[in-house]
Amino acid sequence: MQSLSAYPQPSVTIDCVIFGYDGEKLSVLLLNRKEEPYAGMWTVPGGFLYLDETLEESADRILRTKTGLGSLYLEQLFTFGRPDRDPRGRVLSVTYYTLINPEHVELTTGKMANDVNWFPVSQLPALGFDHKDVLQTAIQRLQAKVTYQPVGFELLNPQFTISELQDLYECILNVRLDRRNFHKKITASGILKPTGQKRLGEKNRAPELFEFDRERYDALVKSGFQFKI
């Protein structure tokens, strides 16, 4: 059996695209790099994979040490491997993404960064490495996924109005949705649970508050149900 040393051994990084929604805009979490390459430029949080950890363990370690975030549900996005993507040499990037509510987390800046901050996806700064392509891929995946899986509920408060839910989908998809059709589709899906309460303080009538019925959704999925917007 031939030794692995006989084959090329590129380095591997784990990069994490963290989307946030504050009720008005979709943002992404970026780090300002302290060291070269791309010192002073913004990138998604990332770091090199250690030989004794899984990909998921590496992602969790990187996020904890560089942003203060931990125990996030991460979904693998893509592996970026363009030969010239890193000026230091041959580096593969296994990328993950997730969605969180920025109001529910507290950020800390690690030793390897000048700053960590949220940026609206519509107003991104110049990015280092190939992270512009990374973010474009992540946004496209998110836009596709919210049309068939209710991942967006993780960005809302536990109780929300249908209008707030529609605002979220319009923000992610960057389109205007017909309010009547959206209301009809989302209520007919059976994955919303009325709370019996209403949002007080609105200018017009007080809209009804709902909760995402995850137990109902999981049961529907097992029976072949497909969520569609």
Protein backbone atom coordinates (compact mmCIF):
# COMPACT_ATOMS: atom_id res chain seq x y z
CA MET A 1 0.00 0.00 0.00
CA GLN A 2 1.43 3.34 -1.07
CA SER A 3 2.00 5.98 1.62
CA LEU A 4 -0.12 9.12 1.59
CA SER A 5 3.09 11.13 1.47
CA ALA A 6 3.33 10.11 -2.17
CA TYR A 7 0.30 12.24 -3.00
CA PRO A 8 -0.22 16.03 -2.96
CA GLN A 9 -1.48 17.25 0.42
CA PRO A 10 -3.37 20.54 0.17
CA SER A 11 -4.39 22.41 3.31
CA VAL A 12 -8.06 22.53 4.31
CA THR A 13 -9.94 25.44 5.84
CA ILE A 14 -13.43 25.57 7.31
CA ASP A 15 -15.34 28.75 6.46
CA CYS A 16 -18.71 29.69 7.95
CA VAL A 17 -21.35 31.96 6.43
CA ILE A 18 -23.53 33.27 9.27
CA PHE A 19 -26.73 34.94 8.10
CA GLY A 20 -28.74 37.13 10.44
CA TYR A 21 -32.16 38.76 10.17
CA ASP A 22 -33.20 41.61 12.50
CA GLY A 23 -36.75 42.09 11.26
CA GLU A 24 -35.78 44.48 8.49
CA LYS A 25 -32.71 43.30 6.57
CA LEU A 26 -30.69 40.16 5.88
CA SER A 27 -27.09 40.47 7.05
CA VAL A 28 -23.94 38.37 7.11
CA LEU A 29 -21.27 38.20 9.82
CA LEU A 30 -17.76 39.20 8.69
CA LEU A 31 -14.31 39.43 10.27
CA ASN A 32 -11.71 42.11 9.61
CA ARG A 33 -8.39 40.27 9.24
CA LYS A 34 -5.43 41.28 11.38
CA GLU A 35 -2.77 39.32 9.47
CA GLU A 36 -1.73 38.77 5.87
CA PRO A 37 -2.93 37.76 3.41
CA TYR A 38 -5.66 40.35 3.04
CA ALA A 39 -4.84 42.15 6.29
CA GLY A 40 -7.42 44.85 6.98
CA MET A 41 -9.98 43.27 4.65
CA TRP A 42 -13.23 41.54 5.53
CA THR A 43 -13.83 37.79 5.21
CA VAL A 44 -16.30 35.22 6.49
CA PRO A 45 -15.14 33.52 9.73
CA GLY A 46 -12.79 30.66 8.94
CA GLY A 47 -9.65 28.79 9.90
CA PHE A 48 -7.55 25.72 9.20
CA LEU A 49 -8.77 22.21 9.95
CA TYR A 50 -6.83 20.33 12.65
CA LEU A 51 -5.92 16.71 11.93
CA ASP A 52 -7.61 15.38 15.09
CA GLU A 53 -11.06 16.98 14.63
CA THR A 54 -14.09 16.45 12.44
CA LEU A 55 -15.26 19.15 10.03
CA GLU A 56 -18.12 20.05 12.37
CA GLU A 57 -15.83 20.21 15.42
CA SER A 58 -13.50 22.49 13.48
CA ALA A 59 -16.38 24.82 12.51
CA ASP A 60 -17.55 25.02 16.12
CA ARG A 61 -14.02 25.76 17.39
CA ILE A 62 -13.44 28.45 14.77
CA LEU A 63 -16.72 30.22 15.49
CA ARG A 64 -16.20 30.10 19.28
CA THR A 65 -12.66 31.48 19.16
CA LYS A 66 -13.21 34.08 16.43
CA THR A 67 -16.76 35.31 17.03
CA GLY A 68 -17.89 34.00 20.42
CA LEU A 69 -20.66 31.97 18.79
CA GLY A 70 -21.02 28.29 19.54
CA SER A 71 -23.33 25.28 19.26
CA LEU A 72 -24.90 26.58 16.05
CA TYR A 73 -26.71 24.30 13.64
CA LEU A 74 -24.54 24.39 10.52
CA GLU A 75 -25.33 22.96 7.11
CA GLN A 76 -22.56 22.16 4.65
CA LEU A 77 -22.73 24.47 1.67
CA PHE A 78 -19.96 23.68 -0.83
CA THR A 79 -16.25 22.92 -1.18
CA PHE A 80 -14.29 25.68 -2.92
CA GLY A 81 -11.07 24.50 -4.51
CA ARG A 82 -9.88 26.90 -7.19
CA PRO A 83 -6.06 26.45 -7.31
CA ASP A 84 -5.35 30.19 -6.93
CA ARG A 85 -7.95 30.98 -4.28
CA ASP A 86 -5.34 31.44 -1.50
CA PRO A 87 -2.00 33.22 -2.17
CA ARG A 88 -0.29 31.07 0.49
CA GLY A 89 -0.68 27.89 -1.54
CA ARG A 90 -3.12 25.10 -2.37
CA VAL A 91 -6.02 25.43 0.06
CA LEU A 92 -9.46 23.79 -0.09
CA SER A 93 -12.35 25.45 1.73
CA VAL A 94 -15.19 23.35 3.14
CA THR A 95 -17.93 25.91 3.73
CA TYR A 96 -20.94 25.84 6.06
CA TYR A 97 -23.84 28.22 6.53
CA THR A 98 -26.54 28.90 9.09
CA LEU A 99 -29.23 31.42 10.04
CA ILE A 100 -29.54 33.16 13.41
CA ASN A 101 -31.29 36.10 15.03
CA PRO A 102 -28.56 38.69 15.78
CA GLU A 103 -30.54 39.97 18.78
CA HIS A 104 -30.14 36.59 20.49
CA VAL A 105 -26.34 36.39 20.37
CA GLU A 106 -23.37 38.31 21.75
CA LEU A 107 -20.27 38.66 19.58
CA THR A 108 -16.64 38.73 20.70
CA THR A 109 -13.62 39.51 18.55
CA GLY A 110 -10.89 36.88 18.64
CA LYS A 111 -7.14 37.51 18.67
CA MET A 112 -6.81 36.95 14.91
CA ALA A 113 -9.19 39.77 13.91
CA ASN A 114 -9.42 43.54 14.22
CA ASP A 115 -13.20 43.48 14.37
CA VAL A 116 -16.28 41.33 13.84
CA ASN A 117 -19.50 42.88 12.60
CA TRP A 118 -22.75 42.41 10.68
CA PHE A 119 -23.10 43.74 7.13
CA PRO A 120 -26.32 43.91 5.04
CA VAL A 121 -25.97 41.50 2.11
CA SER A 122 -26.90 44.42 -0.15
CA GLN A 123 -23.99 46.56 1.15
CA LEU A 124 -20.97 44.28 1.43
CA PRO A 125 -17.41 45.61 1.69
CA ALA A 126 -14.55 44.35 -0.48
CA LEU A 127 -13.83 40.76 0.53
CA GLY A 128 -10.59 38.80 0.75
CA PHE A 129 -9.85 35.43 -0.84
CA ASP A 130 -12.75 34.16 -2.98
CA HIS A 131 -15.31 35.02 -0.30
CA LYS A 132 -17.40 37.09 -2.69
CA ASP A 133 -18.09 33.85 -4.58
CA VAL A 134 -18.63 32.04 -1.27
CA LEU A 135 -21.30 34.54 -0.20
CA GLN A 136 -23.03 34.54 -3.58
CA THR A 137 -23.25 30.74 -3.44
CA ALA A 138 -24.60 30.86 0.12
CA ILE A 139 -27.24 33.46 -0.74
CA GLN A 140 -28.40 31.43 -3.73
CA ARG A 141 -28.64 28.29 -1.58
CA LEU A 142 -30.59 30.15 1.11
CA GLN A 143 -33.01 31.61 -1.42
CA ALA A 144 -33.63 28.18 -2.92
CA LYS A 145 -34.03 26.43 0.42
CA VAL A 146 -36.57 28.77 2.01
CA THR A 147 -38.99 27.99 -0.83
CA TYR A 148 -39.21 24.31 0.13
CA GLN A 149 -38.13 24.11 3.79
CA PRO A 150 -39.20 26.47 6.60
CA VAL A 151 -35.68 27.32 7.76
CA GLY A 152 -36.58 31.00 7.98
CA PHE A 153 -38.58 30.50 11.15
CA GLU A 154 -35.29 30.37 13.08
CA LEU A 155 -34.80 34.06 12.35
CA LEU A 156 -38.10 35.17 13.88
CA ASN A 157 -39.23 35.54 17.46
CA PRO A 158 -41.13 32.48 18.80
CA GLN A 159 -44.41 34.31 18.17
CA PHE A 160 -44.91 36.27 14.95
CA THR A 161 -47.56 37.60 12.59
CA ILE A 162 -48.01 36.34 9.05
CA SER A 163 -47.00 39.80 7.82
CA GLU A 164 -43.71 39.51 9.72
CA LEU A 165 -43.17 36.10 8.19
CA GLN A 166 -43.86 37.47 4.71
CA ASP A 167 -41.45 40.36 5.31
CA LEU A 168 -38.75 37.78 6.11
CA TYR A 169 -39.35 35.81 2.92
CA GLU A 170 -39.43 38.95 0.79
CA CYS A 171 -36.14 40.04 2.33
CA ILE A 172 -34.39 36.72 1.67
CA LEU A 173 -35.84 36.24 -1.82
CA ASN A 174 -35.53 39.94 -2.72
CA VAL A 175 -38.98 39.93 -4.33
CA ARG A 176 -42.46 41.20 -3.54
CA LEU A 177 -44.97 38.47 -2.74
CA ASP A 178 -48.71 38.80 -3.14
CA ARG A 179 -50.00 39.20 0.41
CA ARG A 180 -53.27 37.34 -0.14
CA ASN A 181 -51.63 34.37 -1.88
CA PHE A 182 -48.87 34.15 0.75
CA HIS A 183 -51.42 34.18 3.57
CA LYS A 184 -53.43 31.47 1.84
CA LYS A 185 -50.42 29.21 1.15
CA ILE A 186 -48.83 29.52 4.56
CA THR A 187 -52.01 28.94 6.52
CA ALA A 188 -53.02 26.00 4.28
CA SER A 189 -49.64 24.36 4.89
CA GLY A 190 -50.67 23.39 8.42
CA ILE A 191 -47.29 24.27 9.96
CA LEU A 192 -48.48 27.38 11.82
CA LYS A 193 -50.11 27.17 15.22
CA PRO A 194 -52.41 30.02 16.35
CA THR A 195 -51.51 31.33 19.80
CA GLY A 196 -54.86 32.94 20.52
CA GLN A 197 -53.06 36.25 21.06
CA LYS A 198 -52.72 39.37 18.95
CA ARG A 199 -49.97 41.91 18.27
CA LEU A 200 -51.05 45.02 20.17
CA GLY A 201 -50.01 48.54 19.29
CA GLU A 202 -50.47 48.27 15.51
CA LYS A 203 -51.91 51.30 13.69
CA ASN A 204 -54.85 49.40 12.25
CA ARG A 205 -56.30 46.16 13.61
CA ALA A 206 -54.27 43.92 15.93
CA PRO A 207 -52.94 41.00 13.81
CA GLU A 208 -53.03 37.44 15.10
CA LEU A 209 -49.86 35.85 16.46
CA PHE A 210 -48.67 32.40 15.36
CA GLU A 211 -45.99 29.88 16.30
CA PHE A 212 -44.13 27.42 14.08
CA ASP A 213 -45.50 23.93 14.79
CA ARG A 214 -42.30 21.89 14.38
CA GLU A 215 -43.90 18.67 15.63
CA ARG A 216 -46.67 19.00 13.05
CA TYR A 217 -44.15 19.84 10.32
CA ASP A 218 -41.95 16.81 11.12
CA ALA A 219 -45.00 14.54 10.99
CA LEU A 220 -46.08 16.01 7.64
CA VAL A 221 -42.61 15.53 6.16
CA LYS A 222 -42.69 11.83 7.09
CA SER A 223 -45.97 11.51 5.21
CA GLY A 224 -44.49 13.05 2.04
CA PHE A 225 -45.48 16.69 2.59
CA GLN A 226 -43.45 19.32 0.71
CA PHE A 227 -43.33 22.92 1.91
CA LYS A 228 -43.73 25.43 -0.94
CA ILE A 229 -43.83 29.21 -1.16
